[in-house]
């Protein structure tokens, strides 16, 4: 799909709605620009998961099950 757009005075380009919807480019989505073989490539930046808030949440549950760590639980689940 090739779409021609003009660059505005401040260097802005409007991404067509069909493309935004197809690639999940909502307002405030972050994108990366890269030059590959002489062409400009725009890629949606992967969303970072904020896992810090979950750290330590399962400690009590694993203790009640008799596990000292998640690693020990995973070993048992995997049969090692």
PDB file of N, CA and C in Angstrom:
ATOM      1  N   UNK A   1       0.847  -1.170   0.000  1.00  0.00           N
ATOM      2  CA  UNK A   1       0.000   0.000   0.000  1.00  0.00           C
ATOM      3  C   UNK A   1       0.897   1.239   0.000  1.00  0.00           C
ATOM      4  N   UNK A   2       0.793   2.024  -1.013  1.00  0.00           N
ATOM      5  CA  UNK A   2       1.591   3.239  -1.120  1.00  0.00           C
ATOM      6  C   UNK A   2       0.667   4.436  -1.011  1.00  0.00           C
ATOM      7  N   UNK A   3       0.941   5.331  -0.082  1.00  0.00           N
ATOM      8  CA  UNK A   3       0.130   6.520   0.127  1.00  0.00           C
ATOM      9  C   UNK A   3       1.047   7.724   0.136  1.00  0.00           C
ATOM     10  N   UNK A   4       0.688   8.750  -0.613  1.00  0.00           N
ATOM     11  CA  UNK A   4       1.504   9.961  -0.687  1.00  0.00           C
ATOM     12  C   UNK A   4       0.923  11.024   0.241  1.00  0.00           C
ATOM     13  N   UNK A   5       1.762  11.575   1.110  1.00  0.00           N
ATOM     14  CA  UNK A   5       1.336  12.629   2.036  1.00  0.00           C
ATOM     15  C   UNK A   5       2.342  13.766   1.956  1.00  0.00           C
ATOM     16  N   UNK A   6       1.893  14.987   2.268  1.00  0.00           N
ATOM     17  CA  UNK A   6       2.790  16.143   2.286  1.00  0.00           C
ATOM     18  C   UNK A   6       3.272  16.391   3.712  1.00  0.00           C
ATOM     19  N   UNK A   7       4.502  16.848   3.801  1.00  0.00           N
ATOM     20  CA  UNK A   7       5.067  17.217   5.102  1.00  0.00           C
ATOM     21  C   UNK A   7       4.678  18.662   5.380  1.00  0.00           C
ATOM     22  N   UNK A   8       4.155  18.921   6.587  1.00  0.00           N
ATOM     23  CA  UNK A   8       3.751  20.263   6.971  1.00  0.00           C
ATOM     24  C   UNK A   8       4.952  21.143   7.301  1.00  0.00           C
ATOM     25  N   UNK A   9       4.680  22.410   7.575  1.00  0.00           N
ATOM     26  CA  UNK A   9       5.734  23.392   7.865  1.00  0.00           C
ATOM     27  C   UNK A   9       6.600  22.997   9.050  1.00  0.00           C
ATOM     28  N   UNK A  10       6.018  22.336  10.021  1.00  0.00           N
ATOM     29  CA  UNK A  10       6.761  21.946  11.225  1.00  0.00           C
ATOM     30  C   UNK A  10       7.283  20.518  11.139  1.00  0.00           C
ATOM     31  N   UNK A  11       7.287  19.923   9.937  1.00  0.00           N
ATOM     32  CA  UNK A  11       7.826  18.579   9.757  1.00  0.00           C
ATOM     33  C   UNK A  11       6.864  17.469  10.125  1.00  0.00           C
ATOM     34  N   UNK A  12       5.583  17.779  10.236  1.00  0.00           N
ATOM     35  CA  UNK A  12       4.605  16.776  10.628  1.00  0.00           C
ATOM     36  C   UNK A  12       3.961  16.121   9.412  1.00  0.00           C
ATOM     37  N   UNK A  13       3.622  14.836   9.583  1.00  0.00           N
ATOM     38  CA  UNK A  13       2.940  14.066   8.551  1.00  0.00           C
ATOM     39  C   UNK A  13       1.749  13.383   9.211  1.00  0.00           C
ATOM     40  N   UNK A  14       0.616  13.359   8.522  1.00  0.00           N
ATOM     41  CA  UNK A  14      -0.556  12.647   9.027  1.00  0.00           C
ATOM     42  C   UNK A  14      -0.514  11.218   8.520  1.00  0.00           C
ATOM     43  N   UNK A  15      -0.585  10.264   9.439  1.00  0.00           N
ATOM     44  CA  UNK A  15      -0.611   8.853   9.064  1.00  0.00           C
ATOM     45  C   UNK A  15      -2.068   8.509   8.743  1.00  0.00           C
ATOM     46  N   UNK A  16      -2.332   7.978   7.549  1.00  0.00           N
ATOM     47  CA  UNK A  16      -3.714   7.665   7.173  1.00  0.00           C
ATOM     48  C   UNK A  16      -4.404   6.748   8.189  1.00  0.00           C
ATOM     49  N   UNK A  17      -5.709   6.963   8.380  1.00  0.00           N
ATOM     50  CA  UNK A  17      -6.490   6.246   9.377  1.00  0.00           C
ATOM     51  C   UNK A  17      -6.409   4.731   9.205  1.00  0.00           C
ATOM     52  N   UNK A  18      -6.496   4.231   7.976  1.00  0.00           N
ATOM     53  CA  UNK A  18      -6.435   2.778   7.751  1.00  0.00           C
ATOM     54  C   UNK A  18      -5.122   2.198   8.275  1.00  0.00           C
ATOM     55  N   UNK A  19      -4.033   2.921   8.080  1.00  0.00           N
ATOM     56  CA  UNK A  19      -2.725   2.448   8.547  1.00  0.00           C
ATOM     57  C   UNK A  19      -2.646   2.526  10.066  1.00  0.00           C
ATOM     58  N   UNK A  20      -3.138   3.641  10.649  1.00  0.00           N
ATOM     59  CA  UNK A  20      -3.134   3.766  12.116  1.00  0.00           C
ATOM     60  C   UNK A  20      -3.924   2.635  12.756  1.00  0.00           C
ATOM     61  N   UNK A  21      -5.092   2.335  12.198  1.00  0.00           N
ATOM     62  CA  UNK A  21      -5.932   1.266  12.758  1.00  0.00           C
ATOM     63  C   UNK A  21      -5.277  -0.103  12.588  1.00  0.00           C
ATOM     64  N   UNK A  22      -4.709  -0.345  11.428  1.00  0.00           N
ATOM     65  CA  UNK A  22      -4.085  -1.644  11.147  1.00  0.00           C
ATOM     66  C   UNK A  22      -2.939  -1.954  12.106  1.00  0.00           C
ATOM     67  N   UNK A  23      -2.158  -0.915  12.460  1.00  0.00           N
ATOM     68  CA  UNK A  23      -0.985  -1.126  13.287  1.00  0.00           C
ATOM     69  C   UNK A  23      -1.157  -0.640  14.728  1.00  0.00           C
ATOM     70  N   UNK A  24      -2.374  -0.294  15.109  1.00  0.00           N
ATOM     71  CA  UNK A  24      -2.652   0.105  16.488  1.00  0.00           C
ATOM     72  C   UNK A  24      -1.939   1.371  16.916  1.00  0.00           C
ATOM     73  N   UNK A  25      -1.873   2.348  16.022  1.00  0.00           N
ATOM     74  CA  UNK A  25      -1.212   3.621  16.335  1.00  0.00           C
ATOM     75  C   UNK A  25      -2.238   4.614  16.874  1.00  0.00           C
ATOM     76  N   UNK A  26      -2.475   4.546  18.164  1.00  0.00           N
ATOM     77  CA  UNK A  26      -3.418   5.438  18.839  1.00  0.00           C
ATOM     78  C   UNK A  26      -2.707   6.727  19.220  1.00  0.00           C
ATOM     79  N   UNK A  27      -3.466   7.769  19.593  1.00  0.00           N
ATOM     80  CA  UNK A  27      -2.816   8.993  20.065  1.00  0.00           C
ATOM     81  C   UNK A  27      -1.848   8.669  21.203  1.00  0.00           C
ATOM     82  N   UNK A  28      -0.732   9.335  21.225  1.00  0.00           N
ATOM     83  CA  UNK A  28       0.334   9.164  22.219  1.00  0.00           C
ATOM     84  C   UNK A  28       1.142   7.873  22.031  1.00  0.00           C
ATOM     85  N   UNK A  29       0.874   7.108  20.968  1.00  0.00           N
ATOM     86  CA  UNK A  29       1.710   5.935  20.683  1.00  0.00           C
ATOM     87  C   UNK A  29       3.100   6.438  20.311  1.00  0.00           C
ATOM     88  N   UNK A  30       4.117   5.724  20.738  1.00  0.00           N
ATOM     89  CA  UNK A  30       5.484   6.105  20.410  1.00  0.00           C
ATOM     90  C   UNK A  30       5.953   5.305  19.201  1.00  0.00           C
ATOM     91  N   UNK A  31       6.685   5.988  18.310  1.00  0.00           N
ATOM     92  CA  UNK A  31       7.217   5.332  17.121  1.00  0.00           C
ATOM     93  C   UNK A  31       8.706   5.628  17.008  1.00  0.00           C
ATOM     94  N   UNK A  32       9.417   4.722  16.353  1.00  0.00           N
ATOM     95  CA  UNK A  32      10.838   4.895  16.091  1.00  0.00           C
ATOM     96  C   UNK A  32      11.035   5.114  14.597  1.00  0.00           C
ATOM     97  N   UNK A  33      11.972   5.983  14.250  1.00  0.00           N
ATOM     98  CA  UNK A  33      12.358   6.195  12.859  1.00  0.00           C
ATOM     99  C   UNK A  33      13.755   5.634  12.680  1.00  0.00           C
ATOM    100  N   UNK A  34      13.944   4.912  11.571  1.00  0.00           N
ATOM    101  CA  UNK A  34      15.237   4.325  11.289  1.00  0.00           C
ATOM    102  C   UNK A  34      15.484   4.408   9.784  1.00  0.00           C
ATOM    103  N   UNK A  35      16.742   4.579   9.403  1.00  0.00           N
ATOM    104  CA  UNK A  35      17.096   4.582   7.987  1.00  0.00           C
ATOM    105  C   UNK A  35      17.681   3.212   7.661  1.00  0.00           C
ATOM    106  N   UNK A  36      17.034   2.504   6.743  1.00  0.00           N
ATOM    107  CA  UNK A  36      17.472   1.172   6.326  1.00  0.00           C
ATOM    108  C   UNK A  36      17.626   1.172   4.811  1.00  0.00           C
ATOM    109  N   UNK A  37      18.848   0.917   4.365  1.00  0.00           N
ATOM    110  CA  UNK A  37      19.153   0.883   2.931  1.00  0.00           C
ATOM    111  C   UNK A  37      18.618   2.118   2.211  1.00  0.00           C
ATOM    112  N   UNK A  38      18.825   3.265   2.816  1.00  0.00           N
ATOM    113  CA  UNK A  38      18.453   4.531   2.198  1.00  0.00           C
ATOM    114  C   UNK A  38      16.975   4.875   2.269  1.00  0.00           C
ATOM    115  N   UNK A  39      16.192   4.108   3.016  1.00  0.00           N
ATOM    116  CA  UNK A  39      14.767   4.394   3.160  1.00  0.00           C
ATOM    117  C   UNK A  39      14.441   4.678   4.617  1.00  0.00           C
ATOM    118  N   UNK A  40      13.479   5.562   4.841  1.00  0.00           N
ATOM    119  CA  UNK A  40      13.031   5.881   6.193  1.00  0.00           C
ATOM    120  C   UNK A  40      11.975   4.850   6.593  1.00  0.00           C
ATOM    121  N   UNK A  41      12.199   4.202   7.732  1.00  0.00           N
ATOM    122  CA  UNK A  41      11.267   3.193   8.221  1.00  0.00           C
ATOM    123  C   UNK A  41      10.705   3.663   9.561  1.00  0.00           C
ATOM    124  N   UNK A  42       9.385   3.662   9.676  1.00  0.00           N
ATOM    125  CA  UNK A  42       8.704   4.025  10.914  1.00  0.00           C
ATOM    126  C   UNK A  42       8.189   2.744  11.540  1.00  0.00           C
ATOM    127  N   UNK A  43       8.500   2.516  12.827  1.00  0.00           N
ATOM    128  CA  UNK A  43       8.030   1.327  13.527  1.00  0.00           C
ATOM    129  C   UNK A  43       7.400   1.727  14.844  1.00  0.00           C
ATOM    130  N   UNK A  44       6.308   1.049  15.177  1.00  0.00           N
ATOM    131  CA  UNK A  44       5.676   1.268  16.470  1.00  0.00           C
ATOM    132  C   UNK A  44       6.624   0.764  17.546  1.00  0.00           C
ATOM    133  N   UNK A  45       6.877   1.605  18.537  1.00  0.00           N
ATOM    134  CA  UNK A  45       7.764   1.228  19.629  1.00  0.00           C
ATOM    135  C   UNK A  45       7.020   0.252  20.545  1.00  0.00           C
ATOM    136  N   UNK A  46       7.672  -0.858  20.900  1.00  0.00           N
ATOM    137  CA  UNK A  46       7.003  -1.824  21.779  1.00  0.00           C
ATOM    138  C   UNK A  46       6.653  -1.191  23.123  1.00  0.00           C
ATOM    139  N   UNK A  47       5.497  -1.555  23.623  1.00  0.00           N
ATOM    140  CA  UNK A  47       5.055  -1.039  24.914  1.00  0.00           C
ATOM    141  C   UNK A  47       5.814  -1.754  26.016  1.00  0.00           C
ATOM    142  N   UNK A  48       6.304  -0.998  26.973  1.00  0.00           N
ATOM    143  CA  UNK A  48       7.032  -1.592  28.096  1.00  0.00           C
ATOM    144  C   UNK A  48       6.043  -1.935  29.201  1.00  0.00           C
ATOM    145  N   UNK A  49       6.130  -3.167  29.660  1.00  0.00           N
ATOM    146  CA  UNK A  49       5.281  -3.594  30.753  1.00  0.00           C
ATOM    147  C   UNK A  49       5.894  -3.139  32.076  1.00  0.00           C
ATOM    148  N   UNK A  50       5.078  -2.586  32.936  1.00  0.00           N
ATOM    149  CA  UNK A  50       5.549  -2.129  34.244  1.00  0.00           C
ATOM    150  C   UNK A  50       5.370  -3.265  35.244  1.00  0.00           C
ATOM    151  N   UNK A  51       6.370  -4.149  35.277  1.00  0.00           N
ATOM    152  CA  UNK A  51       6.270  -5.335  36.115  1.00  0.00           C
ATOM    153  C   UNK A  51       6.742  -5.111  37.546  1.00  0.00           C
ATOM    154  N   UNK A  52       7.373  -3.966  37.798  1.00  0.00           N
ATOM    155  CA  UNK A  52       7.901  -3.711  39.144  1.00  0.00           C
ATOM    156  C   UNK A  52       6.807  -3.790  40.204  1.00  0.00           C
ATOM    157  N   UNK A  53       5.590  -3.357  39.868  1.00  0.00           N
ATOM    158  CA  UNK A  53       4.511  -3.344  40.864  1.00  0.00           C
ATOM    159  C   UNK A  53       4.079  -4.758  41.275  1.00  0.00           C
ATOM    160  N   UNK A  54       4.441  -5.765  40.477  1.00  0.00           N
ATOM    161  CA  UNK A  54       4.065  -7.133  40.774  1.00  0.00           C
ATOM    162  C   UNK A  54       5.127  -7.890  41.570  1.00  0.00           C
ATOM    163  N   UNK A  55       6.298  -7.294  41.720  1.00  0.00           N
ATOM    164  CA  UNK A  55       7.389  -7.970  42.414  1.00  0.00           C
ATOM    165  C   UNK A  55       6.994  -8.302  43.857  1.00  0.00           C
ATOM    166  N   UNK A  56       7.156  -9.556  44.223  1.00  0.00           N
ATOM    167  CA  UNK A  56       6.876  -9.981  45.596  1.00  0.00           C
ATOM    168  C   UNK A  56       5.421 -10.275  45.899  1.00  0.00           C
ATOM    169  N   UNK A  57       4.542 -10.116  44.932  1.00  0.00           N
ATOM    170  CA  UNK A  57       3.112 -10.304  45.168  1.00  0.00           C
ATOM    171  C   UNK A  57       2.730 -11.738  45.522  1.00  0.00           C
ATOM    172  N   UNK A  58       3.467 -12.706  45.015  1.00  0.00           N
ATOM    173  CA  UNK A  58       3.098 -14.117  45.215  1.00  0.00           C
ATOM    174  C   UNK A  58       3.871 -14.800  46.333  1.00  0.00           C
ATOM    175  N   UNK A  59       4.692 -14.052  47.014  1.00  0.00           N
ATOM    176  CA  UNK A  59       5.565 -14.651  48.033  1.00  0.00           C
ATOM    177  C   UNK A  59       4.768 -15.418  49.090  1.00  0.00           C
ATOM    178  N   UNK A  60       3.705 -14.814  49.621  1.00  0.00           N
ATOM    179  CA  UNK A  60       2.905 -15.474  50.658  1.00  0.00           C
ATOM    180  C   UNK A  60       2.219 -16.716  50.110  1.00  0.00           C
ATOM    181  N   UNK A  61       1.681 -16.621  48.904  1.00  0.00           N
ATOM    182  CA  UNK A  61       0.999 -17.772  48.294  1.00  0.00           C
ATOM    183  C   UNK A  61       1.949 -18.935  48.094  1.00  0.00           C
ATOM    184  N   UNK A  62       3.152 -18.653  47.595  1.00  0.00           N
ATOM    185  CA  UNK A  62       4.126 -19.717  47.391  1.00  0.00           C
ATOM    186  C   UNK A  62       4.578 -20.290  48.733  1.00  0.00           C
ATOM    187  N   UNK A  63       4.701 -19.462  49.741  1.00  0.00           N
ATOM    188  CA  UNK A  63       5.100 -19.946  51.075  1.00  0.00           C
ATOM    189  C   UNK A  63       4.052 -20.910  51.624  1.00  0.00           C
ATOM    190  N   UNK A  64       2.775 -20.561  51.460  1.00  0.00           N
ATOM    191  CA  UNK A  64       1.695 -21.428  51.927  1.00  0.00           C
ATOM    192  C   UNK A  64       1.703 -22.776  51.217  1.00  0.00           C
ATOM    193  N   UNK A  65       2.158 -22.790  49.981  1.00  0.00           N
ATOM    194  CA  UNK A  65       2.252 -24.040  49.214  1.00  0.00           C
ATOM    195  C   UNK A  65       3.528 -24.816  49.537  1.00  0.00           C
ATOM    196  N   UNK A  66       4.411 -24.215  50.351  1.00  0.00           N
ATOM    197  CA  UNK A  66       5.629 -24.888  50.760  1.00  0.00           C
ATOM    198  C   UNK A  66       6.830 -24.619  49.870  1.00  0.00           C
ATOM    199  N   UNK A  67       6.776 -23.570  49.092  1.00  0.00           N
ATOM    200  CA  UNK A  67       7.892 -23.225  48.202  1.00  0.00           C
ATOM    201  C   UNK A  67       8.627 -21.995  48.729  1.00  0.00           C
ATOM    202  N   UNK A  68       9.948 -22.073  48.698  1.00  0.00           N
ATOM    203  CA  UNK A  68      10.772 -20.955  49.155  1.00  0.00           C
ATOM    204  C   UNK A  68      10.952 -19.917  48.049  1.00  0.00           C
ATOM    205  N   UNK A  69      10.753 -20.346  46.790  1.00  0.00           N
ATOM    206  CA  UNK A  69      10.946 -19.415  45.684  1.00  0.00           C
ATOM    207  C   UNK A  69      10.113 -19.844  44.483  1.00  0.00           C
ATOM    208  N   UNK A  70       9.917 -18.914  43.572  1.00  0.00           N
ATOM    209  CA  UNK A  70       9.226 -19.198  42.319  1.00  0.00           C
ATOM    210  C   UNK A  70      10.035 -20.206  41.508  1.00  0.00           C
ATOM    211  N   UNK A  71      11.357 -20.103  41.565  1.00  0.00           N
ATOM    212  CA  UNK A  71      12.217 -21.026  40.823  1.00  0.00           C
ATOM    213  C   UNK A  71      11.957 -22.478  41.239  1.00  0.00           C
ATOM    214  N   UNK A  72      11.828 -22.727  42.547  1.00  0.00           N
ATOM    215  CA  UNK A  72      11.562 -24.084  43.038  1.00  0.00           C
ATOM    216  C   UNK A  72      10.198 -24.553  42.550  1.00  0.00           C
ATOM    217  N   UNK A  73       9.224 -23.689  42.574  1.00  0.00           N
ATOM    218  CA  UNK A  73       7.886 -24.026  42.083  1.00  0.00           C
ATOM    219  C   UNK A  73       7.943 -24.409  40.604  1.00  0.00           C
ATOM    220  N   UNK A  74       8.657 -23.626  39.801  1.00  0.00           N
ATOM    221  CA  UNK A  74       8.776 -23.878  38.362  1.00  0.00           C
ATOM    222  C   UNK A  74       9.477 -25.210  38.103  1.00  0.00           C
ATOM    223  N   UNK A  75      10.483 -25.525  38.910  1.00  0.00           N
ATOM    224  CA  UNK A  75      11.167 -26.820  38.765  1.00  0.00           C
ATOM    225  C   UNK A  75      10.196 -27.969  38.984  1.00  0.00           C
ATOM    226  N   UNK A  76       9.353 -27.852  40.019  1.00  0.00           N
ATOM    227  CA  UNK A  76       8.382 -28.908  40.314  1.00  0.00           C
ATOM    228  C   UNK A  76       7.334 -29.000  39.204  1.00  0.00           C
ATOM    229  N   UNK A  77       6.854 -27.879  38.734  1.00  0.00           N
ATOM    230  CA  UNK A  77       5.833 -27.864  37.681  1.00  0.00           C
ATOM    231  C   UNK A  77       6.390 -28.504  36.410  1.00  0.00           C
ATOM    232  N   UNK A  78       7.632 -28.227  36.104  1.00  0.00           N
ATOM    233  CA  UNK A  78       8.263 -28.774  34.897  1.00  0.00           C
ATOM    234  C   UNK A  78       8.783 -30.196  35.092  1.00  0.00           C
ATOM    235  N   UNK A  79       8.698 -30.691  36.314  1.00  0.00           N
ATOM    236  CA  UNK A  79       9.118 -32.060  36.591  1.00  0.00           C
ATOM    237  C   UNK A  79      10.609 -32.266  36.615  1.00  0.00           C
ATOM    238  N   UNK A  80      11.324 -31.303  37.060  1.00  0.00           N
ATOM    239  CA  UNK A  80      12.792 -31.419  37.109  1.00  0.00           C
ATOM    240  C   UNK A  80      13.261 -31.768  38.501  1.00  0.00           C
TER     241      UNK A  80
END
